[in-house]
Each structure stands twice: as C-alpha cells, then as structure tokens.
C-alpha cells in the first residue's frame, strides 16, 4: 500500500510543473512535505510564466516596432524564455516522477514564499 501512496504523490508532484494544472495538487488533502515542495515550485513557475508572458508582450509592443532589429529581438527573447521555461518544466516533472526533491535554481527563493501546507 505504501508504494501506491508514493506513486500517487509522485504523479501529483509531476503535475505541479504543468502550468495551470498546479492547482489540482495544491488543493489535495494531506500533502506530504515532498508534494508541498513541488506545489510551491510549480506555483512559482506559473507566476514566472505569466510574468514572462506580459514582459514579452510589452517588449513586442515597444521595441518590436523597430523594423528589423526589433523583430529579431522579439524572436530571440521568445525563444530564450520558451526554452528556459521548457527546461525547468521538464526537469521538475522528471525529478518529481523519480521522487527527488529538486530546488529550481533562481526560483527557489520565490517558491519558499508560497504559503502551501
């Protein structure tokens, strides 16, 4: 029976990194410290994704209007943010599936401030 609980928590921990789906494990009852840690990080990642989206839209609306250079800047920034967030999402998902407690670099301080018990 213990393996079933661990597998469930691993899956819920992995779901935390799938953007808006972080709310499914956040509202589950009896979260272990493992699951609470991944919920905090998943919520912090969602916050960064939303902030990056707005940042990129502002850059696109301002600097993106520069004829060629602005277009290239917007494309490169979109690519960099997409790849960075994709990398963190995949790493968090894999670490949670293997039952490892992973601290996302640079996002860890923000994640510690999320009040999830």
PDB file of N, CA and C in Angstrom:
ATOM      1  N   UNK A   1       0.821  -1.198   0.000  1.00  0.00           N
ATOM      2  CA  UNK A   1       0.000   0.000   0.000  1.00  0.00           C
ATOM      3  C   UNK A   1       0.864   1.260   0.000  1.00  0.00           C
ATOM      4  N   UNK A   2       2.011   1.205   0.629  1.00  0.00           N
ATOM      5  CA  UNK A   2       2.895   2.363   0.689  1.00  0.00           C
ATOM      6  C   UNK A   2       3.359   2.787  -0.703  1.00  0.00           C
ATOM      7  N   UNK A   3       3.646   1.830  -1.597  1.00  0.00           N
ATOM      8  CA  UNK A   3       4.089   2.179  -2.945  1.00  0.00           C
ATOM      9  C   UNK A   3       3.009   2.922  -3.720  1.00  0.00           C
ATOM     10  N   UNK A   4       1.735   2.570  -3.480  1.00  0.00           N
ATOM     11  CA  UNK A   4       0.635   3.253  -4.166  1.00  0.00           C
ATOM     12  C   UNK A   4       0.578   4.727  -3.752  1.00  0.00           C
ATOM     13  N   UNK A   5       0.771   4.993  -2.468  1.00  0.00           N
ATOM     14  CA  UNK A   5       0.751   6.372  -1.999  1.00  0.00           C
ATOM     15  C   UNK A   5       1.935   7.138  -2.587  1.00  0.00           C
ATOM     16  N   UNK A   6       3.075   6.537  -2.633  1.00  0.00           N
ATOM     17  CA  UNK A   6       4.250   7.200  -3.182  1.00  0.00           C
ATOM     18  C   UNK A   6       4.067   7.478  -4.678  1.00  0.00           C
ATOM     19  N   UNK A   7       3.518   6.525  -5.397  1.00  0.00           N
ATOM     20  CA  UNK A   7       3.305   6.731  -6.834  1.00  0.00           C
ATOM     21  C   UNK A   7       2.309   7.864  -7.065  1.00  0.00           C
ATOM     22  N   UNK A   8       1.264   7.925  -6.240  1.00  0.00           N
ATOM     23  CA  UNK A   8       0.271   8.989  -6.369  1.00  0.00           C
ATOM     24  C   UNK A   8       0.914  10.349  -6.114  1.00  0.00           C
ATOM     25  N   UNK A   9       1.722  10.424  -5.074  1.00  0.00           N
ATOM     26  CA  UNK A   9       2.385  11.696  -4.765  1.00  0.00           C
ATOM     27  C   UNK A   9       3.399  12.080  -5.840  1.00  0.00           C
ATOM     28  N   UNK A  10       4.041  11.095  -6.412  1.00  0.00           N
ATOM     29  CA  UNK A  10       4.976  11.392  -7.500  1.00  0.00           C
ATOM     30  C   UNK A  10       4.243  11.972  -8.695  1.00  0.00           C
ATOM     31  N   UNK A  11       3.115  11.381  -9.044  1.00  0.00           N
ATOM     32  CA  UNK A  11       2.343  11.899 -10.174  1.00  0.00           C
ATOM     33  C   UNK A  11       1.811  13.294  -9.874  1.00  0.00           C
ATOM     34  N   UNK A  12       1.299  13.492  -8.658  1.00  0.00           N
ATOM     35  CA  UNK A  12       0.805  14.816  -8.294  1.00  0.00           C
ATOM     36  C   UNK A  12       1.937  15.834  -8.274  1.00  0.00           C
ATOM     37  N   UNK A  13       3.112  15.423  -7.825  1.00  0.00           N
ATOM     38  CA  UNK A  13       4.277  16.306  -7.849  1.00  0.00           C
ATOM     39  C   UNK A  13       4.668  16.673  -9.267  1.00  0.00           C
ATOM     40  N   UNK A  14       4.564  15.724 -10.180  1.00  0.00           N
ATOM     41  CA  UNK A  14       4.900  15.991 -11.582  1.00  0.00           C
ATOM     42  C   UNK A  14       3.876  16.917 -12.228  1.00  0.00           C
ATOM     43  N   UNK A  15       2.615  16.756 -11.868  1.00  0.00           N
ATOM     44  CA  UNK A  15       1.555  17.606 -12.418  1.00  0.00           C
ATOM     45  C   UNK A  15       1.764  19.066 -12.025  1.00  0.00           C
ATOM     46  N   UNK A  16       2.421  19.281 -10.893  1.00  0.00           N
ATOM     47  CA  UNK A  16       2.663  20.655 -10.423  1.00  0.00           C
ATOM     48  C   UNK A  16       3.419  21.500 -11.430  1.00  0.00           C
ATOM     49  N   UNK A  17       4.188  20.897 -12.275  1.00  0.00           N
ATOM     50  CA  UNK A  17       5.006  21.648 -13.227  1.00  0.00           C
ATOM     51  C   UNK A  17       4.305  21.881 -14.563  1.00  0.00           C
ATOM     52  N   UNK A  18       3.063  21.461 -14.686  1.00  0.00           N
ATOM     53  CA  UNK A  18       2.338  21.609 -15.943  1.00  0.00           C
ATOM     54  C   UNK A  18       1.408  22.815 -15.911  1.00  0.00           C
ATOM     55  N   UNK A  19       1.993  23.987 -15.708  1.00  0.00           N
ATOM     56  CA  UNK A  19       1.337  25.279 -15.771  1.00  0.00           C
ATOM     57  C   UNK A  19       0.107  25.352 -14.874  1.00  0.00           C
ATOM     58  N   UNK A  20      -1.045  25.584 -15.413  1.00  0.00           N
ATOM     59  CA  UNK A  20      -2.263  25.824 -14.635  1.00  0.00           C
ATOM     60  C   UNK A  20      -2.727  24.577 -13.867  1.00  0.00           C
ATOM     61  N   UNK A  21      -2.238  23.408 -14.266  1.00  0.00           N
ATOM     62  CA  UNK A  21      -2.619  22.178 -13.566  1.00  0.00           C
ATOM     63  C   UNK A  21      -2.032  22.101 -12.165  1.00  0.00           C
ATOM     64  N   UNK A  22      -1.205  23.064 -11.780  1.00  0.00           N
ATOM     65  CA  UNK A  22      -0.634  23.091 -10.437  1.00  0.00           C
ATOM     66  C   UNK A  22      -1.737  23.191  -9.383  1.00  0.00           C
ATOM     67  N   UNK A  23      -2.899  23.712  -9.750  1.00  0.00           N
ATOM     68  CA  UNK A  23      -3.972  23.866  -8.777  1.00  0.00           C
ATOM     69  C   UNK A  23      -4.605  22.537  -8.381  1.00  0.00           C
ATOM     70  N   UNK A  24      -4.469  21.506  -9.194  1.00  0.00           N
ATOM     71  CA  UNK A  24      -5.024  20.186  -8.834  1.00  0.00           C
ATOM     72  C   UNK A  24      -4.329  19.636  -7.592  1.00  0.00           C
ATOM     73  N   UNK A  25      -2.993  19.511  -7.573  1.00  0.00           N
ATOM     74  CA  UNK A  25      -2.358  19.009  -6.351  1.00  0.00           C
ATOM     75  C   UNK A  25      -2.364  20.019  -5.202  1.00  0.00           C
ATOM     76  N   UNK A  26      -2.444  21.312  -5.515  1.00  0.00           N
ATOM     77  CA  UNK A  26      -2.435  22.310  -4.444  1.00  0.00           C
ATOM     78  C   UNK A  26      -3.629  22.177  -3.528  1.00  0.00           C
ATOM     79  N   UNK A  27      -4.756  21.777  -4.075  1.00  0.00           N
ATOM     80  CA  UNK A  27      -5.963  21.675  -3.267  1.00  0.00           C
ATOM     81  C   UNK A  27      -6.245  20.260  -2.788  1.00  0.00           C
ATOM     82  N   UNK A  28      -5.300  19.346  -2.959  1.00  0.00           N
ATOM     83  CA  UNK A  28      -5.478  17.997  -2.435  1.00  0.00           C
ATOM     84  C   UNK A  28      -5.249  17.999  -0.925  1.00  0.00           C
ATOM     85  N   UNK A  29      -5.856  17.067  -0.266  1.00  0.00           N
ATOM     86  CA  UNK A  29      -5.744  16.971   1.191  1.00  0.00           C
ATOM     87  C   UNK A  29      -4.501  16.184   1.583  1.00  0.00           C
ATOM     88  N   UNK A  30      -4.008  16.434   2.778  1.00  0.00           N
ATOM     89  CA  UNK A  30      -2.884  15.681   3.363  1.00  0.00           C
ATOM     90  C   UNK A  30      -1.655  15.666   2.461  1.00  0.00           C
ATOM     91  N   UNK A  31      -1.137  16.839   2.181  1.00  0.00           N
ATOM     92  CA  UNK A  31       0.068  16.910   1.360  1.00  0.00           C
ATOM     93  C   UNK A  31       1.300  16.574   2.197  1.00  0.00           C
ATOM     94  N   UNK A  32       2.141  15.745   1.646  1.00  0.00           N
ATOM     95  CA  UNK A  32       3.412  15.438   2.290  1.00  0.00           C
ATOM     96  C   UNK A  32       4.370  16.611   2.047  1.00  0.00           C
ATOM     97  N   UNK A  33       5.474  16.677   2.781  1.00  0.00           N
ATOM     98  CA  UNK A  33       6.464  17.729   2.502  1.00  0.00           C
ATOM     99  C   UNK A  33       6.994  17.658   1.066  1.00  0.00           C
ATOM    100  N   UNK A  34       7.109  16.460   0.526  1.00  0.00           N
ATOM    101  CA  UNK A  34       7.551  16.281  -0.856  1.00  0.00           C
ATOM    102  C   UNK A  34       6.585  16.954  -1.825  1.00  0.00           C
ATOM    103  N   UNK A  35       5.306  16.684  -1.665  1.00  0.00           N
ATOM    104  CA  UNK A  35       4.296  17.247  -2.559  1.00  0.00           C
ATOM    105  C   UNK A  35       4.155  18.754  -2.347  1.00  0.00           C
ATOM    106  N   UNK A  36       4.216  19.199  -1.101  1.00  0.00           N
ATOM    107  CA  UNK A  36       4.113  20.634  -0.826  1.00  0.00           C
ATOM    108  C   UNK A  36       5.271  21.396  -1.474  1.00  0.00           C
ATOM    109  N   UNK A  37       6.463  20.814  -1.444  1.00  0.00           N
ATOM    110  CA  UNK A  37       7.635  21.458  -2.052  1.00  0.00           C
ATOM    111  C   UNK A  37       7.444  21.620  -3.566  1.00  0.00           C
ATOM    112  N   UNK A  38       6.960  20.559  -4.223  1.00  0.00           N
ATOM    113  CA  UNK A  38       6.750  20.630  -5.674  1.00  0.00           C
ATOM    114  C   UNK A  38       5.584  21.555  -6.018  1.00  0.00           C
ATOM    115  N   UNK A  39       4.572  21.624  -5.154  1.00  0.00           N
ATOM    116  CA  UNK A  39       3.467  22.564  -5.376  1.00  0.00           C
ATOM    117  C   UNK A  39       3.970  24.003  -5.302  1.00  0.00           C
ATOM    118  N   UNK A  40       4.813  24.285  -4.323  1.00  0.00           N
ATOM    119  CA  UNK A  40       5.375  25.637  -4.209  1.00  0.00           C
ATOM    120  C   UNK A  40       6.165  26.005  -5.463  1.00  0.00           C
ATOM    121  N   UNK A  41       7.006  25.089  -5.894  1.00  0.00           N
ATOM    122  CA  UNK A  41       7.831  25.375  -7.068  1.00  0.00           C
ATOM    123  C   UNK A  41       6.996  25.476  -8.340  1.00  0.00           C
ATOM    124  N   UNK A  42       5.996  24.630  -8.468  1.00  0.00           N
ATOM    125  CA  UNK A  42       5.114  24.700  -9.634  1.00  0.00           C
ATOM    126  C   UNK A  42       4.329  26.000  -9.676  1.00  0.00           C
ATOM    127  N   UNK A  43       3.884  26.469  -8.512  1.00  0.00           N
ATOM    128  CA  UNK A  43       3.155  27.727  -8.460  1.00  0.00           C
ATOM    129  C   UNK A  43       4.080  28.894  -8.779  1.00  0.00           C
ATOM    130  N   UNK A  44       5.299  28.848  -8.258  1.00  0.00           N
ATOM    131  CA  UNK A  44       6.281  29.898  -8.568  1.00  0.00           C
ATOM    132  C   UNK A  44       6.609  29.892 -10.062  1.00  0.00           C
ATOM    133  N   UNK A  45       6.705  28.710 -10.642  1.00  0.00           N
ATOM    134  CA  UNK A  45       6.967  28.609 -12.079  1.00  0.00           C
ATOM    135  C   UNK A  45       5.802  29.188 -12.883  1.00  0.00           C
ATOM    136  N   UNK A  46       4.584  28.926 -12.463  1.00  0.00           N
ATOM    137  CA  UNK A  46       3.415  29.505 -13.127  1.00  0.00           C
ATOM    138  C   UNK A  46       3.455  31.029 -13.046  1.00  0.00           C
ATOM    139  N   UNK A  47       3.830  31.557 -11.889  1.00  0.00           N
ATOM    140  CA  UNK A  47       3.953  33.006 -11.724  1.00  0.00           C
ATOM    141  C   UNK A  47       4.992  33.578 -12.692  1.00  0.00           C
ATOM    142  N   UNK A  48       6.125  32.908 -12.815  1.00  0.00           N
ATOM    143  CA  UNK A  48       7.182  33.366 -13.723  1.00  0.00           C
ATOM    144  C   UNK A  48       6.712  33.272 -15.172  1.00  0.00           C
ATOM    145  N   UNK A  49       5.968  32.228 -15.513  1.00  0.00           N
ATOM    146  CA  UNK A  49       5.445  32.103 -16.879  1.00  0.00           C
ATOM    147  C   UNK A  49       4.508  33.261 -17.215  1.00  0.00           C
ATOM    148  N   UNK A  50       3.647  33.629 -16.279  1.00  0.00           N
ATOM    149  CA  UNK A  50       2.709  34.735 -16.515  1.00  0.00           C
ATOM    150  C   UNK A  50       3.469  36.055 -16.615  1.00  0.00           C
ATOM    151  N   UNK A  51       4.432  36.269 -15.716  1.00  0.00           N
ATOM    152  CA  UNK A  51       5.234  37.497 -15.756  1.00  0.00           C
ATOM    153  C   UNK A  51       6.036  37.576 -17.051  1.00  0.00           C
ATOM    154  N   UNK A  52       6.603  36.459 -17.495  1.00  0.00           N
ATOM    155  CA  UNK A  52       7.368  36.435 -18.749  1.00  0.00           C
ATOM    156  C   UNK A  52       6.462  36.735 -19.938  1.00  0.00           C
ATOM    157  N   UNK A  53       5.252  36.218 -19.911  1.00  0.00           N
ATOM    158  CA  UNK A  53       4.304  36.485 -20.990  1.00  0.00           C
ATOM    159  C   UNK A  53       4.044  37.984 -21.124  1.00  0.00           C
ATOM    160  N   UNK A  54       3.749  38.641 -19.993  1.00  0.00           N
ATOM    161  CA  UNK A  54       3.481  40.077 -20.037  1.00  0.00           C
ATOM    162  C   UNK A  54       4.723  40.872 -20.407  1.00  0.00           C
ATOM    163  N   UNK A  55       5.874  40.457 -19.896  1.00  0.00           N
ATOM    164  CA  UNK A  55       7.125  41.119 -20.245  1.00  0.00           C
ATOM    165  C   UNK A  55       7.372  41.043 -21.747  1.00  0.00           C
ATOM    166  N   UNK A  56       7.176  39.869 -22.319  1.00  0.00           N
ATOM    167  CA  UNK A  56       7.405  39.696 -23.754  1.00  0.00           C
ATOM    168  C   UNK A  56       6.399  40.488 -24.589  1.00  0.00           C
ATOM    169  N   UNK A  57       5.168  40.593 -24.113  1.00  0.00           N
ATOM    170  CA  UNK A  57       4.167  41.389 -24.845  1.00  0.00           C
ATOM    171  C   UNK A  57       4.523  42.866 -24.815  1.00  0.00           C
ATOM    172  N   UNK A  58       5.051  43.344 -23.683  1.00  0.00           N
ATOM    173  CA  UNK A  58       5.460  44.744 -23.591  1.00  0.00           C
ATOM    174  C   UNK A  58       6.649  45.006 -24.519  1.00  0.00           C
ATOM    175  N   UNK A  59       7.604  44.098 -24.515  1.00  0.00           N
ATOM    176  CA  UNK A  59       8.763  44.238 -25.401  1.00  0.00           C
ATOM    177  C   UNK A  59       8.318  44.214 -26.863  1.00  0.00           C
ATOM    178  N   UNK A  60       7.388  43.332 -27.179  1.00  0.00           N
ATOM    179  CA  UNK A  60       6.895  43.236 -28.556  1.00  0.00           C
ATOM    180  C   UNK A  60       6.173  44.512 -28.978  1.00  0.00           C
ATOM    181  N   UNK A  61       5.416  45.108 -28.054  1.00  0.00           N
ATOM    182  CA  UNK A  61       4.660  46.311 -28.388  1.00  0.00           C
ATOM    183  C   UNK A  61       5.536  47.563 -28.459  1.00  0.00           C
ATOM    184  N   UNK A  62       6.690  47.518 -27.822  1.00  0.00           N
ATOM    185  CA  UNK A  62       7.555  48.705 -27.826  1.00  0.00           C
ATOM    186  C   UNK A  62       8.751  48.503 -28.750  1.00  0.00           C
ATOM    187  N   UNK A  63       9.712  47.720 -28.304  1.00  0.00           N
ATOM    188  CA  UNK A  63      10.922  47.517 -29.099  1.00  0.00           C
ATOM    189  C   UNK A  63      10.668  46.695 -30.356  1.00  0.00           C
ATOM    190  N   UNK A  64       9.608  45.933 -30.366  1.00  0.00           N
ATOM    191  CA  UNK A  64       9.278  45.133 -31.535  1.00  0.00           C
ATOM    192  C   UNK A  64       8.882  45.948 -32.742  1.00  0.00           C
ATOM    193  N   UNK A  65       8.599  47.213 -32.518  1.00  0.00           N
ATOM    194  CA  UNK A  65       8.203  48.089 -33.624  1.00  0.00           C
ATOM    195  C   UNK A  65       9.404  48.586 -34.430  1.00  0.00           C
ATOM    196  N   UNK A  66      10.598  48.398 -33.919  1.00  0.00           N
ATOM    197  CA  UNK A  66      11.790  48.756 -34.686  1.00  0.00           C
ATOM    198  C   UNK A  66      11.855  47.790 -35.865  1.00  0.00           C
ATOM    199  N   UNK A  67      11.975  48.282 -37.094  1.00  0.00           N
ATOM    200  CA  UNK A  67      11.796  47.440 -38.285  1.00  0.00           C
ATOM    201  C   UNK A  67      12.455  46.055 -38.267  1.00  0.00           C
ATOM    202  N   UNK A  68      13.716  45.896 -38.356  1.00  0.00           N
ATOM    203  CA  UNK A  68      14.304  44.553 -38.443  1.00  0.00           C
ATOM    204  C   UNK A  68      14.876  44.115 -37.107  1.00  0.00           C
ATOM    205  N   UNK A  69      15.577  45.011 -36.457  1.00  0.00           N
ATOM    206  CA  UNK A  69      16.218  44.702 -35.187  1.00  0.00           C
ATOM    207  C   UNK A  69      15.193  44.343 -34.114  1.00  0.00           C
ATOM    208  N   UNK A  70      14.086  45.058 -34.078  1.00  0.00           N
ATOM    209  CA  UNK A  70      13.031  44.777 -33.107  1.00  0.00           C
ATOM    210  C   UNK A  70      12.411  43.406 -33.317  1.00  0.00           C
ATOM    211  N   UNK A  71      12.170  43.080 -34.564  1.00  0.00           N
ATOM    212  CA  UNK A  71      11.607  41.764 -34.895  1.00  0.00           C
ATOM    213  C   UNK A  71      12.542  40.651 -34.447  1.00  0.00           C
ATOM    214  N   UNK A  72      13.834  40.795 -34.730  1.00  0.00           N
ATOM    215  CA  UNK A  72      14.813  39.780 -34.314  1.00  0.00           C
ATOM    216  C   UNK A  72      14.918  39.687 -32.798  1.00  0.00           C
ATOM    217  N   UNK A  73      14.876  40.828 -32.124  1.00  0.00           N
ATOM    218  CA  UNK A  73      14.937  40.834 -30.661  1.00  0.00           C
ATOM    219  C   UNK A  73      13.750  40.089 -30.065  1.00  0.00           C
ATOM    220  N   UNK A  74      12.575  40.339 -30.576  1.00  0.00           N
ATOM    221  CA  UNK A  74      11.369  39.666 -30.074  1.00  0.00           C
ATOM    222  C   UNK A  74      11.454  38.164 -30.309  1.00  0.00           C
ATOM    223  N   UNK A  75      11.884  37.759 -31.488  1.00  0.00           N
ATOM    224  CA  UNK A  75      12.014  36.328 -31.799  1.00  0.00           C
ATOM    225  C   UNK A  75      13.017  35.664 -30.869  1.00  0.00           C
ATOM    226  N   UNK A  76      14.168  36.286 -30.662  1.00  0.00           N
ATOM    227  CA  UNK A  76      15.205  35.696 -29.805  1.00  0.00           C
ATOM    228  C   UNK A  76      14.744  35.629 -28.355  1.00  0.00           C
ATOM    229  N   UNK A  77      14.121  36.700 -27.847  1.00  0.00           N
ATOM    230  CA  UNK A  77      13.634  36.681 -26.464  1.00  0.00           C
ATOM    231  C   UNK A  77      12.551  35.627 -26.265  1.00  0.00           C
ATOM    232  N   UNK A  78      11.638  35.517 -27.211  1.00  0.00           N
ATOM    233  CA  UNK A  78      10.604  34.476 -27.114  1.00  0.00           C
ATOM    234  C   UNK A  78      11.222  33.088 -27.085  1.00  0.00           C
ATOM    235  N   UNK A  79      12.202  32.865 -27.917  1.00  0.00           N
ATOM    236  CA  UNK A  79      12.863  31.566 -27.968  1.00  0.00           C
ATOM    237  C   UNK A  79      13.608  31.264 -26.668  1.00  0.00           C
ATOM    238  N   UNK A  80      14.319  32.249 -26.148  1.00  0.00           N
ATOM    239  CA  UNK A  80      15.086  32.048 -24.912  1.00  0.00           C
ATOM    240  C   UNK A  80      14.153  31.758 -23.746  1.00  0.00           C
ATOM    241  N   UNK A  81      13.096  32.558 -23.586  1.00  0.00           N
ATOM    242  CA  UNK A  81      12.158  32.319 -22.495  1.00  0.00           C
ATOM    243  C   UNK A  81      11.457  30.974 -22.651  1.00  0.00           C
ATOM    244  N   UNK A  82      11.048  30.644 -23.861  1.00  0.00           N
ATOM    245  CA  UNK A  82      10.375  29.359 -24.086  1.00  0.00           C
ATOM    246  C   UNK A  82      11.277  28.190 -23.725  1.00  0.00           C
ATOM    247  N   UNK A  83      12.524  28.223 -24.190  1.00  0.00           N
ATOM    248  CA  UNK A  83      13.438  27.112 -23.913  1.00  0.00           C
ATOM    249  C   UNK A  83      13.787  27.017 -22.432  1.00  0.00           C
ATOM    250  N   UNK A  84      13.972  28.158 -21.771  1.00  0.00           N
ATOM    251  CA  UNK A  84      14.289  28.140 -20.339  1.00  0.00           C
ATOM    252  C   UNK A  84      13.125  27.577 -19.530  1.00  0.00           C
ATOM    253  N   UNK A  85      11.914  28.024 -19.817  1.00  0.00           N
ATOM    254  CA  UNK A  85      10.754  27.529 -19.080  1.00  0.00           C
ATOM    255  C   UNK A  85      10.459  26.071 -19.419  1.00  0.00           C
ATOM    256  N   UNK A  86      10.689  25.676 -20.661  1.00  0.00           N
ATOM    257  CA  UNK A  86      10.513  24.274 -21.039  1.00  0.00           C
ATOM    258  C   UNK A  86      11.515  23.387 -20.307  1.00  0.00           C
ATOM    259  N   UNK A  87      12.758  23.833 -20.211  1.00  0.00           N
ATOM    260  CA  UNK A  87      13.789  23.077 -19.498  1.00  0.00           C
ATOM    261  C   UNK A  87      13.424  22.893 -18.024  1.00  0.00           C
ATOM    262  N   UNK A  88      12.993  23.969 -17.363  1.00  0.00           N
ATOM    263  CA  UNK A  88      12.623  23.879 -15.945  1.00  0.00           C
ATOM    264  C   UNK A  88      11.404  22.979 -15.766  1.00  0.00           C
ATOM    265  N   UNK A  89      10.445  23.077 -16.670  1.00  0.00           N
ATOM    266  CA  UNK A  89       9.250  22.234 -16.596  1.00  0.00           C
ATOM    267  C   UNK A  89       9.603  20.757 -16.742  1.00  0.00           C
ATOM    268  N   UNK A  90      10.413  20.424 -17.709  1.00  0.00           N
ATOM    269  CA  UNK A  90      10.797  19.027 -17.926  1.00  0.00           C
ATOM    270  C   UNK A  90      11.622  18.500 -16.761  1.00  0.00           C
ATOM    271  N   UNK A  91      12.580  19.298 -16.285  1.00  0.00           N
ATOM    272  CA  UNK A  91      13.409  18.864 -15.157  1.00  0.00           C
ATOM    273  C   UNK A  91      12.564  18.642 -13.905  1.00  0.00           C
ATOM    274  N   UNK A  92      11.658  19.570 -13.615  1.00  0.00           N
ATOM    275  CA  UNK A  92      10.789  19.418 -12.448  1.00  0.00           C
ATOM    276  C   UNK A  92       9.890  18.209 -12.568  1.00  0.00           C
ATOM    277  N   UNK A  93       9.333  17.995 -13.746  1.00  0.00           N
ATOM    278  CA  UNK A  93       8.460  16.842 -13.979  1.00  0.00           C
ATOM    279  C   UNK A  93       9.221  15.543 -13.760  1.00  0.00           C
ATOM    280  N   UNK A  94      10.411  15.452 -14.341  1.00  0.00           N
ATOM    281  CA  UNK A  94      11.210  14.223 -14.232  1.00  0.00           C
ATOM    282  C   UNK A  94      11.669  13.994 -12.796  1.00  0.00           C
ATOM    283  N   UNK A  95      12.132  15.046 -12.140  1.00  0.00           N
ATOM    284  CA  UNK A  95      12.591  14.910 -10.751  1.00  0.00           C
ATOM    285  C   UNK A  95      11.443  14.467  -9.848  1.00  0.00           C
ATOM    286  N   UNK A  96      10.256  15.011 -10.051  1.00  0.00           N
ATOM    287  CA  UNK A  96       9.104  14.610  -9.244  1.00  0.00           C
ATOM    288  C   UNK A  96       8.717  13.161  -9.526  1.00  0.00           C
ATOM    289  N   UNK A  97       8.775  12.744 -10.780  1.00  0.00           N
ATOM    290  CA  UNK A  97       8.429  11.363 -11.114  1.00  0.00           C
ATOM    291  C   UNK A  97       9.397  10.363 -10.489  1.00  0.00           C
ATOM    292  N   UNK A  98      10.657  10.761 -10.329  1.00  0.00           N
ATOM    293  CA  UNK A  98      11.634   9.881  -9.693  1.00  0.00           C
ATOM    294  C   UNK A  98      11.666  10.041  -8.183  1.00  0.00           C
ATOM    295  N   UNK A  99      10.788  10.885  -7.638  1.00  0.00           N
ATOM    296  CA  UNK A  99      10.702  11.052  -6.200  1.00  0.00           C
ATOM    297  C   UNK A  99      11.826  11.873  -5.598  1.00  0.00           C
ATOM    298  N   UNK A 100      12.471  12.683  -6.397  1.00  0.00           N
ATOM    299  CA  UNK A 100      13.585  13.502  -5.918  1.00  0.00           C
ATOM    300  C   UNK A 100      13.087  14.890  -5.520  1.00  0.00           C
ATOM    301  N   UNK A 101      13.697  15.424  -4.473  1.00  0.00           N
ATOM    302  CA  UNK A 101      13.376  16.780  -4.038  1.00  0.00           C
ATOM    303  C   UNK A 101      14.343  17.724  -4.717  1.00  0.00           C
ATOM    304  N   UNK A 102      13.861  18.467  -5.715  1.00  0.00           N
ATOM    305  CA  UNK A 102      14.702  19.323  -6.541  1.00  0.00           C
ATOM    306  C   UNK A 102      14.389  20.778  -6.254  1.00  0.00           C
ATOM    307  N   UNK A 103      15.396  21.579  -6.111  1.00  0.00           N
ATOM    308  CA  UNK A 103      15.234  23.007  -5.896  1.00  0.00           C
ATOM    309  C   UNK A 103      15.592  23.727  -7.199  1.00  0.00           C
ATOM    310  N   UNK A 104      14.632  24.419  -7.756  1.00  0.00           N
ATOM    311  CA  UNK A 104      14.830  25.116  -9.023  1.00  0.00           C
ATOM    312  C   UNK A 104      15.777  26.298  -8.795  1.00  0.00           C
ATOM    313  N   UNK A 105      16.866  26.350  -9.517  1.00  0.00           N
ATOM    314  CA  UNK A 105      17.788  27.478  -9.356  1.00  0.00           C
ATOM    315  C   UNK A 105      17.109  28.812  -9.669  1.00  0.00           C
ATOM    316  N   UNK A 106      17.416  29.818  -8.880  1.00  0.00           N
ATOM    317  CA  UNK A 106      16.910  31.181  -9.026  1.00  0.00           C
ATOM    318  C   UNK A 106      15.421  31.316  -8.751  1.00  0.00           C
ATOM    319  N   UNK A 107      14.691  30.250  -8.709  1.00  0.00           N
ATOM    320  CA  UNK A 107      13.257  30.287  -8.464  1.00  0.00           C
ATOM    321  C   UNK A 107      12.950  29.832  -7.036  1.00  0.00           C
ATOM    322  N   UNK A 108      13.969  29.326  -6.374  1.00  0.00           N
ATOM    323  CA  UNK A 108      13.800  28.725  -5.066  1.00  0.00           C
ATOM    324  C   UNK A 108      13.356  29.727  -4.003  1.00  0.00           C
ATOM    325  N   UNK A 109      13.910  30.945  -4.030  1.00  0.00           N
ATOM    326  CA  UNK A 109      13.531  31.958  -3.036  1.00  0.00           C
ATOM    327  C   UNK A 109      12.065  32.349  -3.180  1.00  0.00           C
ATOM    328  N   UNK A 110      11.614  32.479  -4.405  1.00  0.00           N
ATOM    329  CA  UNK A 110      10.207  32.793  -4.647  1.00  0.00           C
ATOM    330  C   UNK A 110       9.314  31.634  -4.208  1.00  0.00           C
ATOM    331  N   UNK A 111       9.736  30.415  -4.477  1.00  0.00           N
ATOM    332  CA  UNK A 111       8.950  29.239  -4.117  1.00  0.00           C
ATOM    333  C   UNK A 111       8.809  29.099  -2.602  1.00  0.00           C
ATOM    334  N   UNK A 112       9.834  29.482  -1.856  1.00  0.00           N
ATOM    335  CA  UNK A 112       9.765  29.377  -0.394  1.00  0.00           C
ATOM    336  C   UNK A 112       8.755  30.337   0.208  1.00  0.00           C
ATOM    337  N   UNK A 113       8.372  31.370  -0.517  1.00  0.00           N
ATOM    338  CA  UNK A 113       7.407  32.343  -0.012  1.00  0.00           C
ATOM    339  C   UNK A 113       5.966  31.944  -0.247  1.00  0.00           C
ATOM    340  N   UNK A 114       5.729  30.910  -1.038  1.00  0.00           N
ATOM    341  CA  UNK A 114       4.369  30.464  -1.336  1.00  0.00           C
ATOM    342  C   UNK A 114       3.842  29.682  -0.136  1.00  0.00           C
ATOM    343  N   UNK A 115       2.737  30.150   0.474  1.00  0.00           N
ATOM    344  CA  UNK A 115       2.235  29.504   1.691  1.00  0.00           C
ATOM    345  C   UNK A 115       1.369  28.267   1.403  1.00  0.00           C
ATOM    346  N   UNK A 116       2.018  27.138   1.214  1.00  0.00           N
ATOM    347  CA  UNK A 116       1.293  25.885   0.989  1.00  0.00           C
ATOM    348  C   UNK A 116       1.682  24.920   2.096  1.00  0.00           C
ATOM    349  N   UNK A 117       0.681  24.367   2.758  1.00  0.00           N
ATOM    350  CA  UNK A 117       0.960  23.384   3.811  1.00  0.00           C
ATOM    351  C   UNK A 117       0.456  22.024   3.441  1.00  0.00           C
TER     352      UNK A 117
END
